[in-house]
Amino acid sequence: MQIRLVDLPDEVERAVALLAGVMTIVEDSGPRPRRGPSLQVQRYLTIRLPEPEPAATPVPARASRTVRRTDPGPARPDPVDLSAWT
């Protein structure tokens, strides 16, 4: 995978250090000046993502308990006709 970083030199260096902590950097172009009058640099990295960890053993789901009402509960009011308001 290729990544392009663009920012001020200190920020790009900080980002490279953070990325190196979580993935393998295979190639690094080093900082290159941006075109035109800019203080920013660009840096190209080729990285390798870490291998995925083996999946953990799934925990069996707990049986759910369904609670059913025996009485119908309070009556619901009739819907209000709002067509006159449109």
N, C-alpha and C. Protein backbone atom coordinates (compact mmCIF):
# COMPACT_ATOMS: atom_id res chain seq x y z
N MET A 1 0.86 -1.16 0.00
CA MET A 1 0.00 0.00 0.00
C MET A 1 0.91 1.22 0.00
N GLN A 2 0.52 2.24 -0.73
CA GLN A 2 1.31 3.46 -0.80
C GLN A 2 0.55 4.61 -0.14
N ILE A 3 1.29 5.41 0.58
CA ILE A 3 0.72 6.56 1.29
C ILE A 3 1.55 7.79 0.95
N ARG A 4 0.88 8.91 0.70
CA ARG A 4 1.58 10.18 0.51
C ARG A 4 1.23 11.08 1.68
N LEU A 5 2.24 11.59 2.35
CA LEU A 5 2.06 12.52 3.46
C LEU A 5 2.47 13.91 2.99
N VAL A 6 1.65 14.91 3.30
CA VAL A 6 1.95 16.29 2.92
C VAL A 6 1.65 17.18 4.11
N ASP A 7 2.67 17.90 4.59
CA ASP A 7 2.50 18.84 5.70
C ASP A 7 3.85 19.50 5.96
N LEU A 8 3.94 20.21 7.05
CA LEU A 8 5.21 20.79 7.45
C LEU A 8 6.17 19.67 7.83
N PRO A 9 7.49 19.87 7.67
CA PRO A 9 8.45 18.79 7.91
C PRO A 9 8.31 18.10 9.27
N ASP A 10 8.13 18.85 10.34
CA ASP A 10 8.01 18.24 11.67
C ASP A 10 6.78 17.35 11.78
N GLU A 11 5.66 17.78 11.20
CA GLU A 11 4.43 16.99 11.25
C GLU A 11 4.54 15.71 10.42
N VAL A 12 5.17 15.81 9.27
CA VAL A 12 5.36 14.63 8.44
C VAL A 12 6.25 13.62 9.16
N GLU A 13 7.32 14.09 9.78
CA GLU A 13 8.22 13.21 10.52
C GLU A 13 7.48 12.54 11.68
N ARG A 14 6.63 13.30 12.35
CA ARG A 14 5.85 12.74 13.46
C ARG A 14 4.88 11.66 12.96
N ALA A 15 4.24 11.92 11.81
CA ALA A 15 3.31 10.95 11.25
C ALA A 15 4.03 9.66 10.84
N VAL A 16 5.24 9.79 10.28
CA VAL A 16 6.01 8.61 9.89
C VAL A 16 6.34 7.78 11.13
N ALA A 17 6.73 8.44 12.21
CA ALA A 17 7.06 7.71 13.43
C ALA A 17 5.84 6.99 13.99
N LEU A 18 4.67 7.63 13.95
CA LEU A 18 3.45 6.99 14.43
C LEU A 18 3.06 5.79 13.55
N LEU A 19 3.15 5.95 12.24
CA LEU A 19 2.81 4.85 11.32
C LEU A 19 3.78 3.68 11.49
N ALA A 20 5.06 3.97 11.71
CA ALA A 20 6.05 2.91 11.88
C ALA A 20 5.77 2.08 13.13
N GLY A 21 5.04 2.65 14.09
CA GLY A 21 4.70 1.91 15.30
C GLY A 21 3.59 0.90 15.11
N VAL A 22 2.81 1.02 14.04
CA VAL A 22 1.67 0.12 13.85
C VAL A 22 1.72 -0.67 12.54
N MET A 23 2.65 -0.36 11.65
CA MET A 23 2.77 -1.10 10.40
C MET A 23 4.22 -1.10 9.95
N THR A 24 4.55 -1.93 8.98
CA THR A 24 5.91 -2.03 8.49
C THR A 24 6.10 -1.09 7.30
N ILE A 25 7.11 -0.22 7.39
CA ILE A 25 7.43 0.67 6.28
C ILE A 25 8.45 -0.04 5.41
N VAL A 26 8.06 -0.34 4.18
CA VAL A 26 8.90 -1.07 3.24
C VAL A 26 9.81 -0.11 2.47
N GLU A 27 9.26 1.02 2.01
CA GLU A 27 10.03 2.05 1.31
C GLU A 27 9.66 3.42 1.85
N ASP A 28 10.65 4.31 1.84
CA ASP A 28 10.43 5.68 2.31
C ASP A 28 11.20 6.60 1.38
N SER A 29 10.50 7.53 0.72
CA SER A 29 11.15 8.43 -0.22
C SER A 29 11.96 9.52 0.47
N GLY A 30 11.68 9.72 1.76
CA GLY A 30 12.28 10.86 2.44
C GLY A 30 11.52 12.13 2.09
N PRO A 31 11.70 13.20 2.85
CA PRO A 31 10.96 14.43 2.58
C PRO A 31 11.42 15.09 1.28
N ARG A 32 10.45 15.53 0.49
CA ARG A 32 10.72 16.24 -0.76
C ARG A 32 9.98 17.56 -0.71
N PRO A 33 10.60 18.65 -1.18
CA PRO A 33 9.91 19.94 -1.16
C PRO A 33 8.72 19.94 -2.12
N ARG A 34 7.69 20.66 -1.75
CA ARG A 34 6.53 20.83 -2.63
C ARG A 34 6.89 21.83 -3.72
N ARG A 35 6.18 21.79 -4.83
CA ARG A 35 6.41 22.75 -5.90
C ARG A 35 5.92 24.12 -5.47
N GLY A 36 6.55 25.12 -5.99
CA GLY A 36 6.12 26.49 -5.72
C GLY A 36 6.59 26.96 -4.35
N PRO A 37 6.18 28.14 -3.98
CA PRO A 37 6.60 28.71 -2.69
C PRO A 37 5.80 28.10 -1.53
N SER A 38 6.31 27.03 -0.96
CA SER A 38 5.61 26.35 0.12
C SER A 38 6.61 25.88 1.16
N LEU A 39 6.19 25.91 2.41
CA LEU A 39 7.03 25.36 3.49
C LEU A 39 6.76 23.88 3.69
N GLN A 40 5.74 23.36 3.01
CA GLN A 40 5.38 21.95 3.18
C GLN A 40 6.31 21.04 2.40
N VAL A 41 6.35 19.79 2.87
CA VAL A 41 7.08 18.75 2.17
C VAL A 41 6.11 17.62 1.89
N GLN A 42 6.49 16.75 0.96
CA GLN A 42 5.71 15.54 0.74
C GLN A 42 6.65 14.35 0.90
N ARG A 43 6.07 13.26 1.36
CA ARG A 43 6.86 12.06 1.62
C ARG A 43 6.02 10.86 1.23
N TYR A 44 6.58 9.97 0.45
CA TYR A 44 5.88 8.79 -0.02
C TYR A 44 6.35 7.57 0.76
N LEU A 45 5.41 6.80 1.26
CA LEU A 45 5.72 5.57 1.98
C LEU A 45 5.05 4.40 1.30
N THR A 46 5.75 3.28 1.27
CA THR A 46 5.14 2.01 0.90
C THR A 46 5.11 1.20 2.18
N ILE A 47 3.94 0.76 2.56
CA ILE A 47 3.79 0.09 3.85
C ILE A 47 3.18 -1.29 3.66
N ARG A 48 3.37 -2.12 4.68
CA ARG A 48 2.72 -3.42 4.74
C ARG A 48 1.89 -3.44 6.01
N LEU A 49 0.62 -3.77 5.86
CA LEU A 49 -0.27 -3.83 7.02
C LEU A 49 0.10 -5.02 7.89
N PRO A 50 -0.14 -4.93 9.20
CA PRO A 50 0.14 -6.07 10.06
C PRO A 50 -0.79 -7.24 9.75
N GLU A 51 -0.32 -8.43 10.02
CA GLU A 51 -1.15 -9.62 9.83
C GLU A 51 -2.31 -9.58 10.82
N PRO A 52 -3.50 -9.97 10.41
CA PRO A 52 -4.63 -9.97 11.34
C PRO A 52 -4.42 -11.02 12.43
N GLU A 53 -4.85 -10.68 13.61
CA GLU A 53 -4.75 -11.62 14.72
C GLU A 53 -5.80 -12.71 14.54
N PRO A 54 -5.50 -13.93 15.01
CA PRO A 54 -6.52 -14.98 14.88
C PRO A 54 -7.78 -14.60 15.65
N ALA A 55 -8.89 -14.99 15.10
CA ALA A 55 -10.17 -14.65 15.72
C ALA A 55 -10.29 -15.35 17.07
N ALA A 56 -10.82 -14.64 18.03
CA ALA A 56 -11.04 -15.21 19.35
C ALA A 56 -12.18 -16.22 19.29
N THR A 57 -12.18 -17.13 20.21
CA THR A 57 -13.26 -18.11 20.28
C THR A 57 -14.55 -17.39 20.62
N PRO A 58 -15.59 -17.54 19.80
CA PRO A 58 -16.84 -16.83 20.08
C PRO A 58 -17.47 -17.31 21.39
N VAL A 59 -18.02 -16.39 22.10
CA VAL A 59 -18.73 -16.70 23.34
C VAL A 59 -20.14 -17.10 22.97
N PRO A 60 -20.62 -18.24 23.47
CA PRO A 60 -21.98 -18.64 23.13
C PRO A 60 -22.99 -17.61 23.63
N ALA A 61 -23.98 -17.38 22.80
CA ALA A 61 -25.01 -16.40 23.15
C ALA A 61 -25.88 -16.95 24.27
N ARG A 62 -26.28 -16.06 25.14
CA ARG A 62 -27.16 -16.44 26.25
C ARG A 62 -28.58 -16.55 25.74
N ALA A 63 -29.30 -17.50 26.22
CA ALA A 63 -30.69 -17.66 25.81
C ALA A 63 -31.47 -16.42 26.23
N SER A 64 -32.26 -15.89 25.32
CA SER A 64 -33.03 -14.70 25.65
C SER A 64 -34.33 -15.10 26.34
N ARG A 65 -34.76 -14.22 27.17
CA ARG A 65 -36.02 -14.45 27.86
C ARG A 65 -37.03 -13.47 27.30
N THR A 66 -38.14 -13.98 26.84
CA THR A 66 -39.20 -13.15 26.30
C THR A 66 -40.26 -12.96 27.36
N VAL A 67 -40.58 -11.71 27.62
CA VAL A 67 -41.63 -11.41 28.59
C VAL A 67 -42.88 -11.04 27.80
N ARG A 68 -43.93 -11.75 28.05
CA ARG A 68 -45.18 -11.47 27.34
C ARG A 68 -46.21 -10.93 28.32
N ARG A 69 -46.92 -9.93 27.84
CA ARG A 69 -47.96 -9.34 28.67
C ARG A 69 -49.21 -10.20 28.57
N THR A 70 -49.85 -10.38 29.69
CA THR A 70 -51.09 -11.16 29.69
C THR A 70 -52.30 -10.26 29.50
N ASP A 71 -52.18 -8.99 29.89
CA ASP A 71 -53.31 -8.08 29.69
C ASP A 71 -52.98 -7.20 28.47
N PRO A 72 -54.00 -6.67 27.79
CA PRO A 72 -53.74 -5.88 26.59
C PRO A 72 -53.15 -4.50 26.88
N GLY A 73 -53.12 -4.08 28.12
CA GLY A 73 -52.57 -2.76 28.45
C GLY A 73 -53.57 -1.67 28.18
N PRO A 74 -53.18 -0.42 28.39
CA PRO A 74 -54.11 0.69 28.18
C PRO A 74 -54.45 0.83 26.70
N ALA A 75 -55.65 1.31 26.44
CA ALA A 75 -56.10 1.50 25.07
C ALA A 75 -55.33 2.64 24.42
N ARG A 76 -55.00 2.48 23.17
CA ARG A 76 -54.28 3.53 22.45
C ARG A 76 -55.30 4.51 21.88
N PRO A 77 -54.97 5.79 21.90
CA PRO A 77 -55.91 6.77 21.34
C PRO A 77 -55.96 6.62 19.82
N ASP A 78 -57.09 7.05 19.25
CA ASP A 78 -57.26 7.01 17.80
C ASP A 78 -56.27 7.99 17.16
N PRO A 79 -55.77 7.66 15.98
CA PRO A 79 -54.87 8.59 15.30
C PRO A 79 -55.60 9.88 14.96
N VAL A 80 -54.87 10.98 14.98
CA VAL A 80 -55.44 12.29 14.68
C VAL A 80 -55.32 12.55 13.18
N ASP A 81 -56.41 13.03 12.58
CA ASP A 81 -56.39 13.35 11.16
C ASP A 81 -55.83 14.75 10.99
N LEU A 82 -54.63 14.86 10.39
CA LEU A 82 -53.96 16.15 10.21
C LEU A 82 -54.10 16.68 8.79
N SER A 83 -54.91 16.05 7.97
CA SER A 83 -55.01 16.47 6.57
C SER A 83 -55.56 17.89 6.43
N ALA A 84 -56.34 18.36 7.39
CA ALA A 84 -56.89 19.71 7.32
C ALA A 84 -55.80 20.77 7.50
N TRP A 85 -54.66 20.42 8.05
CA TRP A 85 -53.59 21.36 8.34
C TRP A 85 -52.63 21.54 7.16
N THR A 86 -52.77 20.76 6.13
CA THR A 86 -51.82 20.87 5.01
C THR A 86 -52.26 21.84 3.97
